[in-house]
Amino acid sequence: MRMEWKKTSKDDILRMRRAENGVPYLYYPLLERTGIVRHCFTTRLGGVSKGIYESLNLSFSRGDEREAVEENFRRVAEALGTEYGNFVFTDQTHTANVRRVGKEDAGKGLTRALDHFDVDGIVTDEPGLVLSAFYADCVPLYFVDVKKRAIGLAHSGWRGTAARIGRAALERMRLEFGTDPADVVCAVGPSICQDCYEVSEDVAAVFEREFPGHEGEILEAKGNGKYQLSLWRANEIVLLEAGVKKERIAVTNLCTCCNSRLLFSHRATGGKRGNLGAFLCLR
C-alpha cells in the first residue's frame, strides 16, 4: 500500500516496519536511538476487526465487537514484546490534564476498569508499563527523558494543543521526576495535516490568541471564515517554548486523512472508523 508522505527537510523522522507476528507499525528512529524505550504507532492493518473497523481497531467504544478488539490488543502486545496486562489507558476528553501512573495502574482500560478520568496525558518512570493513547486525526505526543529515565504520552487535539498539553506533560514530568526539558526527546506523531484540517473562524481565533507571533506558521486563511490549521507546527512551537531542543523533536510528515486506507481518520470517513494507538514504555 502506497503512503503519501508530506515533503520535509528531514529524511529520518518516521519509518514503518513489520513485527514478527506480521503486525505493521510506525516508529521514530529518534526515539529508538535513546535505547531506553519501546514505542510504536499502529496502522489499521494486521488485526481481526471487520467492516468500518477493519482491521486493527483499538477502540472498545465505537461499536466494534469486544472480542475482536481484545485480540487486536494481544497482537499489539506481541509486536511490542510486552504482556497483555501491561497497558494503561488515557481517558481522552480533550483536556490538558496529565497524570502520573505506576505499576498499580497496569491493565486499566483493558483488563480492568479505568479509574482516572479527564486525563489526556500520562507519565511514568515504571519500566514495562505501556502508556497508551488513541487517535483518528488528533496528535500523539511522545516524551522520553533520557537522564531521569522517565516517559510521557499525550493526546493533543485542537483544544489540547491550544491549552498546551505538551507543556503540561513536561511540567508534570518535572514535578514527578525532576525532568529538565533540555534532556527530553520528543515526537509529534501521525495526525491530520494542515491541508486536510479546515477549521472555523472561532477556532482560528483561539490559535491567534494563544500563539501570538506565530499565526502565519499555523494558520492559512481560505476565505468565508475558513482556515487551514497546522497542529503539527503548533505542537512543535509548544515543545520548543517549553524548553525542548529543536534537534530533539521529530515532527511527523504522515497525515491520517491523506492515508485513510492505512490509518483511521475521523474526517476522511465522516466518523465511521476505529482507533489507532500510540504506545510507549521504558525497557
C-alpha atoms as a PDB file:
ATOM      1  CA  MET A   1       0.000   0.000   0.000  1.00  0.00           C
ATOM      2  CA  ARG A   2       1.353   3.393  -1.025  1.00  0.00           C
ATOM      3  CA  MET A   3       1.678   6.033   1.691  1.00  0.00           C
ATOM      4  CA  GLU A   4       1.504   9.739   0.958  1.00  0.00           C
ATOM      5  CA  TRP A   5       4.319  11.474   2.816  1.00  0.00           C
ATOM      6  CA  LYS A   6       4.390  15.257   3.043  1.00  0.00           C
ATOM      7  CA  LYS A   7       7.549  16.951   1.839  1.00  0.00           C
ATOM      8  CA  THR A   8      10.048  17.600   4.597  1.00  0.00           C
ATOM      9  CA  SER A   9      13.642  18.655   5.022  1.00  0.00           C
ATOM     10  CA  LYS A  10      14.223  15.620   7.269  1.00  0.00           C
ATOM     11  CA  ASP A  11      14.504  12.088   5.958  1.00  0.00           C
ATOM     12  CA  ASP A  12      14.811  10.301   9.299  1.00  0.00           C
ATOM     13  CA  ILE A  13      11.641  11.141  11.175  1.00  0.00           C
ATOM     14  CA  LEU A  14       9.169   8.284  10.729  1.00  0.00           C
ATOM     15  CA  ARG A  15       9.530   4.750   9.451  1.00  0.00           C
ATOM     16  CA  MET A  16       7.469   1.611   9.128  1.00  0.00           C
ATOM     17  CA  ARG A  17       8.359  -1.985   9.975  1.00  0.00           C
ATOM     18  CA  ARG A  18       6.545  -5.287  10.370  1.00  0.00           C
ATOM     19  CA  ALA A  19       6.715  -7.196  13.660  1.00  0.00           C
ATOM     20  CA  GLU A  20       7.460 -10.917  13.716  1.00  0.00           C
ATOM     21  CA  ASN A  21       3.750 -11.640  14.124  1.00  0.00           C
ATOM     22  CA  GLY A  22       3.012  -9.687  10.929  1.00  0.00           C
ATOM     23  CA  VAL A  23       1.610  -6.509  12.519  1.00  0.00           C
ATOM     24  CA  PRO A  24       2.937  -3.398  10.732  1.00  0.00           C
ATOM     25  CA  TYR A  25       3.671  -0.327  12.813  1.00  0.00           C
ATOM     26  CA  LEU A  26       5.261   3.105  12.564  1.00  0.00           C
ATOM     27  CA  TYR A  27       8.179   4.212  14.706  1.00  0.00           C
ATOM     28  CA  TYR A  28      10.628   7.085  15.159  1.00  0.00           C
ATOM     29  CA  PRO A  29      14.367   6.381  14.834  1.00  0.00           C
ATOM     30  CA  LEU A  30      14.956   9.433  17.063  1.00  0.00           C
ATOM     31  CA  LEU A  31      13.077   7.758  19.934  1.00  0.00           C
ATOM     32  CA  GLU A  32      14.545   4.335  19.193  1.00  0.00           C
ATOM     33  CA  ARG A  33      18.076   5.690  19.377  1.00  0.00           C
ATOM     34  CA  THR A  34      17.584   6.694  23.014  1.00  0.00           C
ATOM     35  CA  GLY A  35      17.985   2.984  23.747  1.00  0.00           C
ATOM     36  CA  ILE A  36      15.668   3.090  26.758  1.00  0.00           C
ATOM     37  CA  VAL A  37      12.178   2.757  25.259  1.00  0.00           C
ATOM     38  CA  ARG A  38       9.960   0.625  23.082  1.00  0.00           C
ATOM     39  CA  HIS A  39       7.316   2.502  21.140  1.00  0.00           C
ATOM     40  CA  CYS A  40       5.042   2.380  18.132  1.00  0.00           C
ATOM     41  CA  PHE A  41       2.121   3.983  16.354  1.00  0.00           C
ATOM     42  CA  THR A  42      -0.244   1.440  14.864  1.00  0.00           C
ATOM     43  CA  THR A  43      -1.833   1.365  11.419  1.00  0.00           C
ATOM     44  CA  ARG A  44      -5.262  -0.018  10.644  1.00  0.00           C
ATOM     45  CA  LEU A  45      -3.636  -3.220   9.288  1.00  0.00           C
ATOM     46  CA  GLY A  46      -2.847  -6.525  10.972  1.00  0.00           C
ATOM     47  CA  GLY A  47      -5.936  -7.117  13.092  1.00  0.00           C
ATOM     48  CA  VAL A  48      -9.205  -9.068  13.016  1.00  0.00           C
ATOM     49  CA  SER A  49     -11.909  -6.379  13.096  1.00  0.00           C
ATOM     50  CA  LYS A  50     -14.381  -6.171  10.212  1.00  0.00           C
ATOM     51  CA  GLY A  51     -16.328  -3.560   8.284  1.00  0.00           C
ATOM     52  CA  ILE A  52     -15.628   0.082   9.079  1.00  0.00           C
ATOM     53  CA  TYR A  53     -13.246  -1.079  11.852  1.00  0.00           C
ATOM     54  CA  GLU A  54     -11.023  -3.133   9.533  1.00  0.00           C
ATOM     55  CA  SER A  55      -8.736  -4.378  10.799  1.00  0.00           C
ATOM     56  CA  LEU A  56      -6.570  -3.320  13.794  1.00  0.00           C
ATOM     57  CA  ASN A  57      -9.178  -1.237  15.588  1.00  0.00           C
ATOM     58  CA  LEU A  58      -8.172  -0.416  19.187  1.00  0.00           C
ATOM     59  CA  SER A  59     -11.394   1.199  20.396  1.00  0.00           C
ATOM     60  CA  PHE A  60     -13.919  -0.519  22.668  1.00  0.00           C
ATOM     61  CA  SER A  61     -16.358   2.397  22.454  1.00  0.00           C
ATOM     62  CA  ARG A  62     -17.153   2.765  18.751  1.00  0.00           C
ATOM     63  CA  GLY A  63     -19.336  -0.316  18.239  1.00  0.00           C
ATOM     64  CA  ASP A  64     -16.800  -2.992  17.332  1.00  0.00           C
ATOM     65  CA  GLU A  65     -17.005  -6.498  18.837  1.00  0.00           C
ATOM     66  CA  ARG A  66     -15.144  -6.596  22.132  1.00  0.00           C
ATOM     67  CA  GLU A  67     -13.549  -9.957  21.358  1.00  0.00           C
ATOM     68  CA  ALA A  68     -12.067  -8.534  18.155  1.00  0.00           C
ATOM     69  CA  VAL A  69     -10.587  -5.507  19.930  1.00  0.00           C
ATOM     70  CA  GLU A  70      -9.121  -7.726  22.645  1.00  0.00           C
ATOM     71  CA  GLU A  71      -7.454  -9.896  20.015  1.00  0.00           C
ATOM     72  CA  ASN A  72      -6.102  -6.764  18.337  1.00  0.00           C
ATOM     73  CA  PHE A  73      -4.517  -5.719  21.638  1.00  0.00           C
ATOM     74  CA  ARG A  74      -2.978  -9.172  22.041  1.00  0.00           C
ATOM     75  CA  ARG A  75      -1.359  -8.718  18.644  1.00  0.00           C
ATOM     76  CA  VAL A  76      -0.058  -5.249  19.545  1.00  0.00           C
ATOM     77  CA  ALA A  77       1.319  -6.615  22.832  1.00  0.00           C
ATOM     78  CA  GLU A  78       3.172  -9.348  20.959  1.00  0.00           C
ATOM     79  CA  ALA A  79       4.510  -6.841  18.420  1.00  0.00           C
ATOM     80  CA  LEU A  80       5.786  -4.628  21.256  1.00  0.00           C
ATOM     81  CA  GLY A  81       7.284  -7.556  23.148  1.00  0.00           C
ATOM     82  CA  THR A  82       5.125  -6.946  26.210  1.00  0.00           C
ATOM     83  CA  GLU A  83       2.331  -8.630  28.171  1.00  0.00           C
ATOM     84  CA  TYR A  84      -1.376  -8.055  27.542  1.00  0.00           C
ATOM     85  CA  GLY A  85      -1.889  -6.772  31.086  1.00  0.00           C
ATOM     86  CA  ASN A  86       0.808  -4.075  30.939  1.00  0.00           C
ATOM     87  CA  PHE A  87      -1.188  -1.396  29.095  1.00  0.00           C
ATOM     88  CA  VAL A  88      -2.600   1.634  30.883  1.00  0.00           C
ATOM     89  CA  PHE A  89      -5.036   3.894  29.028  1.00  0.00           C
ATOM     90  CA  THR A  90      -5.703   7.603  28.953  1.00  0.00           C
ATOM     91  CA  ASP A  91      -9.273   8.872  29.354  1.00  0.00           C
ATOM     92  CA  GLN A  92      -9.408  11.323  26.484  1.00  0.00           C
ATOM     93  CA  THR A  93     -11.752  14.293  26.830  1.00  0.00           C
ATOM     94  CA  HIS A  94      -9.613  16.973  25.103  1.00  0.00           C
ATOM     95  CA  THR A  95      -8.177  18.410  28.308  1.00  0.00           C
ATOM     96  CA  ALA A  96      -4.618  19.405  29.195  1.00  0.00           C
ATOM     97  CA  ASN A  97      -4.698  17.192  32.299  1.00  0.00           C
ATOM     98  CA  VAL A  98      -1.681  14.924  32.853  1.00  0.00           C
ATOM     99  CA  ARG A  99      -1.416  12.172  35.471  1.00  0.00           C
ATOM    100  CA  ARG A 100       1.425  10.047  36.817  1.00  0.00           C
ATOM    101  CA  VAL A 101       0.801   6.287  36.551  1.00  0.00           C
ATOM    102  CA  GLY A 102       2.651   3.344  38.082  1.00  0.00           C
ATOM    103  CA  LYS A 103       2.650  -0.432  38.236  1.00  0.00           C
ATOM    104  CA  GLU A 104      -0.579  -0.342  40.253  1.00  0.00           C
ATOM    105  CA  ASP A 105      -2.282   1.084  37.149  1.00  0.00           C
ATOM    106  CA  ALA A 106      -1.279  -1.740  34.793  1.00  0.00           C
ATOM    107  CA  GLY A 107      -4.261  -3.067  32.865  1.00  0.00           C
ATOM    108  CA  LYS A 108      -6.523  -0.087  33.487  1.00  0.00           C
ATOM    109  CA  GLY A 109      -8.723   0.398  30.458  1.00  0.00           C
ATOM    110  CA  LEU A 110      -8.063  -3.087  29.092  1.00  0.00           C
ATOM    111  CA  THR A 111      -8.128  -5.864  31.699  1.00  0.00           C
ATOM    112  CA  ARG A 112      -9.858  -3.788  34.376  1.00  0.00           C
ATOM    113  CA  ALA A 113     -11.875  -0.621  34.652  1.00  0.00           C
ATOM    114  CA  LEU A 114     -10.264   2.759  34.228  1.00  0.00           C
ATOM    115  CA  ASP A 115     -10.496   4.836  37.402  1.00  0.00           C
ATOM    116  CA  HIS A 116      -8.839   8.072  36.268  1.00  0.00           C
ATOM    117  CA  PHE A 117     -10.944  10.442  34.195  1.00  0.00           C
ATOM    118  CA  ASP A 118     -10.476  13.580  32.095  1.00  0.00           C
ATOM    119  CA  VAL A 119      -6.829  12.648  31.602  1.00  0.00           C
ATOM    120  CA  ASP A 120      -5.292  13.194  28.151  1.00  0.00           C
ATOM    121  CA  GLY A 121      -1.680  12.684  29.195  1.00  0.00           C
ATOM    122  CA  ILE A 122       0.114  10.106  31.343  1.00  0.00           C
ATOM    123  CA  VAL A 123       3.712   9.906  32.579  1.00  0.00           C
ATOM    124  CA  THR A 124       5.733   7.238  34.365  1.00  0.00           C
ATOM    125  CA  ASP A 125       9.182   6.046  35.385  1.00  0.00           C
ATOM    126  CA  GLU A 126       7.985   2.446  35.786  1.00  0.00           C
ATOM    127  CA  PRO A 127       9.765   0.050  33.382  1.00  0.00           C
ATOM    128  CA  GLY A 128       7.458  -2.226  31.406  1.00  0.00           C
ATOM    129  CA  LEU A 129       4.287  -0.169  31.901  1.00  0.00           C
ATOM    130  CA  VAL A 130       2.884   0.615  28.449  1.00  0.00           C
ATOM    131  CA  LEU A 131       1.489   4.143  28.176  1.00  0.00           C
ATOM    132  CA  SER A 132      -1.413   4.078  25.711  1.00  0.00           C
ATOM    133  CA  ALA A 133      -3.408   6.753  23.875  1.00  0.00           C
ATOM    134  CA  PHE A 134      -5.753   6.579  20.890  1.00  0.00           C
ATOM    135  CA  TYR A 135      -6.237   8.559  17.700  1.00  0.00           C
ATOM    136  CA  ALA A 136      -8.001   9.054  14.405  1.00  0.00           C
ATOM    137  CA  ASP A 137      -6.651  12.518  13.394  1.00  0.00           C
ATOM    138  CA  CYS A 138      -5.570  14.111  16.699  1.00  0.00           C
ATOM    139  CA  VAL A 139      -1.879  14.447  17.544  1.00  0.00           C
ATOM    140  CA  PRO A 140       0.132  11.908  19.580  1.00  0.00           C
ATOM    141  CA  LEU A 141       2.949  13.441  21.618  1.00  0.00           C
ATOM    142  CA  TYR A 142       5.789  11.227  22.886  1.00  0.00           C
ATOM    143  CA  PHE A 143       8.258  12.282  25.626  1.00  0.00           C
ATOM    144  CA  VAL A 144      11.456  10.458  26.663  1.00  0.00           C
ATOM    145  CA  ASP A 145      13.681  11.879  29.421  1.00  0.00           C
ATOM    146  CA  VAL A 146      16.998  10.190  28.715  1.00  0.00           C
ATOM    147  CA  LYS A 147      18.609  11.300  32.003  1.00  0.00           C
ATOM    148  CA  LYS A 148      15.865  10.573  34.535  1.00  0.00           C
ATOM    149  CA  ARG A 149      14.573   7.548  32.584  1.00  0.00           C
ATOM    150  CA  ALA A 150      11.003   8.807  32.555  1.00  0.00           C
ATOM    151  CA  ILE A 151       8.448   8.926  29.750  1.00  0.00           C
ATOM    152  CA  GLY A 152       5.169  10.561  28.816  1.00  0.00           C
ATOM    153  CA  LEU A 153       2.437  10.231  26.212  1.00  0.00           C
ATOM    154  CA  ALA A 154      -0.276  12.758  25.410  1.00  0.00           C
ATOM    155  CA  HIS A 155      -3.350  13.126  23.198  1.00  0.00           C
ATOM    156  CA  SER A 156      -3.442  16.581  21.634  1.00  0.00           C
ATOM    157  CA  GLY A 157      -6.471  17.620  19.586  1.00  0.00           C
ATOM    158  CA  TRP A 158      -7.028  21.266  18.767  1.00  0.00           C
ATOM    159  CA  ARG A 159      -8.265  22.016  22.289  1.00  0.00           C
ATOM    160  CA  GLY A 160      -5.340  20.218  23.913  1.00  0.00           C
ATOM    161  CA  THR A 161      -2.917  21.919  21.563  1.00  0.00           C
ATOM    162  CA  ALA A 162      -4.329  25.367  22.316  1.00  0.00           C
ATOM    163  CA  ALA A 163      -4.132  24.533  26.042  1.00  0.00           C
ATOM    164  CA  ARG A 164      -0.519  23.383  25.561  1.00  0.00           C
ATOM    165  CA  ILE A 165      -0.801  19.826  26.810  1.00  0.00           C
ATOM    166  CA  GLY A 166       2.775  19.299  25.602  1.00  0.00           C
ATOM    167  CA  ARG A 167       3.970  21.877  28.125  1.00  0.00           C
ATOM    168  CA  ALA A 168       1.696  20.364  30.778  1.00  0.00           C
ATOM    169  CA  ALA A 169       3.230  16.924  30.232  1.00  0.00           C
ATOM    170  CA  LEU A 170       6.745  18.300  30.590  1.00  0.00           C
ATOM    171  CA  GLU A 171       5.743  20.180  33.737  1.00  0.00           C
ATOM    172  CA  ARG A 172       4.236  17.017  35.231  1.00  0.00           C
ATOM    173  CA  MET A 173       7.471  15.153  34.433  1.00  0.00           C
ATOM    174  CA  ARG A 174       9.449  17.944  36.118  1.00  0.00           C
ATOM    175  CA  LEU A 175       7.312  17.749  39.248  1.00  0.00           C
ATOM    176  CA  GLU A 176       7.306  13.946  39.435  1.00  0.00           C
ATOM    177  CA  PHE A 177      10.795  13.043  38.229  1.00  0.00           C
ATOM    178  CA  GLY A 178      12.882  16.226  38.142  1.00  0.00           C
ATOM    179  CA  THR A 179      12.846  16.312  34.337  1.00  0.00           C
ATOM    180  CA  ASP A 180      14.695  19.085  32.510  1.00  0.00           C
ATOM    181  CA  PRO A 181      13.044  19.676  29.085  1.00  0.00           C
ATOM    182  CA  ALA A 182      16.518  20.034  27.555  1.00  0.00           C
ATOM    183  CA  ASP A 183      17.049  16.328  28.298  1.00  0.00           C
ATOM    184  CA  VAL A 184      13.811  15.202  26.640  1.00  0.00           C
ATOM    185  CA  VAL A 185      13.459  13.629  23.211  1.00  0.00           C
ATOM    186  CA  CYS A 186      10.006  14.217  21.722  1.00  0.00           C
ATOM    187  CA  ALA A 187       7.935  13.151  18.751  1.00  0.00           C
ATOM    188  CA  VAL A 188       4.836  14.688  17.182  1.00  0.00           C
ATOM    189  CA  GLY A 189       3.071  11.650  15.778  1.00  0.00           C
ATOM    190  CA  PRO A 190       0.949  10.847  12.688  1.00  0.00           C
ATOM    191  CA  SER A 191      -2.176  13.001  12.601  1.00  0.00           C
ATOM    192  CA  ILE A 192      -4.151  15.251  10.298  1.00  0.00           C
ATOM    193  CA  CYS A 193      -2.096  17.662   8.178  1.00  0.00           C
ATOM    194  CA  GLN A 194      -2.752  21.339   7.581  1.00  0.00           C
ATOM    195  CA  ASP A 195      -4.001  20.753   4.029  1.00  0.00           C
ATOM    196  CA  CYS A 196      -6.733  18.459   5.352  1.00  0.00           C
ATOM    197  CA  TYR A 197      -7.634  20.280   8.551  1.00  0.00           C
ATOM    198  CA  GLU A 198     -10.139  23.037   7.871  1.00  0.00           C
ATOM    199  CA  VAL A 199     -11.390  24.913  10.931  1.00  0.00           C
ATOM    200  CA  SER A 200     -13.893  27.678  11.531  1.00  0.00           C
ATOM    201  CA  GLU A 201     -13.156  31.283  12.401  1.00  0.00           C
ATOM    202  CA  ASP A 202     -13.814  30.769  16.109  1.00  0.00           C
ATOM    203  CA  VAL A 203     -11.183  28.005  16.323  1.00  0.00           C
ATOM    204  CA  ALA A 204      -8.728  30.117  14.329  1.00  0.00           C
ATOM    205  CA  ALA A 205      -9.328  32.985  16.768  1.00  0.00           C
ATOM    206  CA  VAL A 206      -8.310  30.741  19.680  1.00  0.00           C
ATOM    207  CA  PHE A 207      -4.973  29.978  17.996  1.00  0.00           C
ATOM    208  CA  GLU A 208      -4.396  33.620  17.060  1.00  0.00           C
ATOM    209  CA  ARG A 209      -4.831  34.490  20.722  1.00  0.00           C
ATOM    210  CA  GLU A 210      -2.800  31.598  22.147  1.00  0.00           C
ATOM    211  CA  PHE A 211       0.083  31.701  19.620  1.00  0.00           C
ATOM    212  CA  PRO A 212       0.806  35.413  19.110  1.00  0.00           C
ATOM    213  CA  GLY A 213       3.501  35.996  16.520  1.00  0.00           C
ATOM    214  CA  HIS A 214       3.066  32.505  15.023  1.00  0.00           C
ATOM    215  CA  GLU A 215      -0.237  32.980  13.225  1.00  0.00           C
ATOM    216  CA  GLY A 216       1.376  32.786   9.791  1.00  0.00           C
ATOM    217  CA  GLU A 217       3.077  29.497  10.683  1.00  0.00           C
ATOM    218  CA  ILE A 218      -0.016  27.662  11.842  1.00  0.00           C
ATOM    219  CA  LEU A 219      -2.993  29.270  10.071  1.00  0.00           C
ATOM    220  CA  GLU A 220      -3.812  29.798   6.416  1.00  0.00           C
ATOM    221  CA  ALA A 221      -6.939  31.828   5.628  1.00  0.00           C
ATOM    222  CA  LYS A 222      -9.127  30.296   2.910  1.00  0.00           C
ATOM    223  CA  GLY A 223     -11.935  32.879   2.878  1.00  0.00           C
ATOM    224  CA  ASN A 224     -15.561  32.652   4.017  1.00  0.00           C
ATOM    225  CA  GLY A 225     -14.433  32.328   7.629  1.00  0.00           C
ATOM    226  CA  LYS A 226     -12.459  29.133   6.978  1.00  0.00           C
ATOM    227  CA  TYR A 227      -8.826  28.410   7.832  1.00  0.00           C
ATOM    228  CA  GLN A 228      -6.355  25.558   7.449  1.00  0.00           C
ATOM    229  CA  LEU A 229      -4.717  24.776  10.809  1.00  0.00           C
ATOM    230  CA  SER A 230      -1.326  23.108  11.331  1.00  0.00           C
ATOM    231  CA  LEU A 231      -1.462  21.117  14.561  1.00  0.00           C
ATOM    232  CA  TRP A 232       1.984  19.741  13.675  1.00  0.00           C
ATOM    233  CA  ARG A 233       3.661  23.145  13.768  1.00  0.00           C
ATOM    234  CA  ALA A 234       1.596  24.373  16.717  1.00  0.00           C
ATOM    235  CA  ASN A 235       2.698  21.414  18.855  1.00  0.00           C
ATOM    236  CA  GLU A 236       6.301  21.865  17.781  1.00  0.00           C
ATOM    237  CA  ILE A 237       6.099  25.506  18.922  1.00  0.00           C
ATOM    238  CA  VAL A 238       4.652  24.370  22.272  1.00  0.00           C
ATOM    239  CA  LEU A 239       7.561  21.966  22.818  1.00  0.00           C
ATOM    240  CA  LEU A 240      10.208  24.492  21.763  1.00  0.00           C
ATOM    241  CA  GLU A 241       8.784  27.192  24.024  1.00  0.00           C
ATOM    242  CA  ALA A 242       8.720  24.678  26.890  1.00  0.00           C
ATOM    243  CA  GLY A 243      12.474  24.169  26.538  1.00  0.00           C
ATOM    244  CA  VAL A 244      12.862  21.074  24.340  1.00  0.00           C
ATOM    245  CA  LYS A 245      15.768  21.379  21.912  1.00  0.00           C
ATOM    246  CA  LYS A 246      14.810  21.563  18.239  1.00  0.00           C
ATOM    247  CA  GLU A 247      17.143  18.727  17.272  1.00  0.00           C
ATOM    248  CA  ARG A 248      15.382  16.515  19.824  1.00  0.00           C
ATOM    249  CA  ILE A 249      11.938  16.894  18.260  1.00  0.00           C
ATOM    250  CA  ALA A 250      10.752  14.623  15.446  1.00  0.00           C
ATOM    251  CA  VAL A 251       7.705  16.009  13.628  1.00  0.00           C
ATOM    252  CA  THR A 252       5.563  13.711  11.519  1.00  0.00           C
ATOM    253  CA  ASN A 253       5.088  14.100   7.787  1.00  0.00           C
ATOM    254  CA  LEU A 254       2.411  11.387   7.544  1.00  0.00           C
ATOM    255  CA  CYS A 255      -1.227  12.516   7.519  1.00  0.00           C
ATOM    256  CA  THR A 256      -4.010  10.269   8.800  1.00  0.00           C
ATOM    257  CA  CYS A 257      -6.580  11.872   6.491  1.00  0.00           C
ATOM    258  CA  CYS A 258      -4.407  11.639   3.348  1.00  0.00           C
ATOM    259  CA  ASN A 259      -3.771   7.961   4.134  1.00  0.00           C
ATOM    260  CA  SER A 260      -7.164   6.736   5.323  1.00  0.00           C
ATOM    261  CA  ARG A 261      -6.659   3.284   3.764  1.00  0.00           C
ATOM    262  CA  LEU A 262      -3.650   2.816   6.038  1.00  0.00           C
ATOM    263  CA  LEU A 263      -4.662   4.932   9.055  1.00  0.00           C
ATOM    264  CA  PHE A 264      -8.035   5.598  10.668  1.00  0.00           C
ATOM    265  CA  SER A 265      -9.227   9.161  10.018  1.00  0.00           C
ATOM    266  CA  HIS A 266     -12.349  10.735  11.503  1.00  0.00           C
ATOM    267  CA  ARG A 267     -12.501  13.422   8.828  1.00  0.00           C
ATOM    268  CA  ALA A 268     -11.906  11.128   5.892  1.00  0.00           C
ATOM    269  CA  THR A 269     -14.635   8.692   6.953  1.00  0.00           C
ATOM    270  CA  GLY A 270     -17.193  11.025   8.492  1.00  0.00           C
ATOM    271  CA  GLY A 271     -16.671   9.340  11.838  1.00  0.00           C
ATOM    272  CA  LYS A 272     -17.190   5.780  10.587  1.00  0.00           C
ATOM    273  CA  ARG A 273     -13.921   4.307  11.812  1.00  0.00           C
ATOM    274  CA  GLY A 274     -11.879   2.641  14.527  1.00  0.00           C
ATOM    275  CA  ASN A 275      -8.950   3.980  16.518  1.00  0.00           C
ATOM    276  CA  LEU A 276      -5.197   3.858  16.099  1.00  0.00           C
ATOM    277  CA  GLY A 277      -2.909   3.520  19.096  1.00  0.00           C
ATOM    278  CA  ALA A 278       0.254   5.229  20.306  1.00  0.00           C
ATOM    279  CA  PHE A 279       2.298   3.168  22.780  1.00  0.00           C
ATOM    280  CA  LEU A 280       5.420   3.946  24.785  1.00  0.00           C
ATOM    281  CA  CYS A 281       7.209   2.016  27.531  1.00  0.00           C
ATOM    282  CA  LEU A 282      10.544   2.016  29.310  1.00  0.00           C
ATOM    283  CA  ARG A 283      12.708  -1.003  28.707  1.00  0.00           C
END
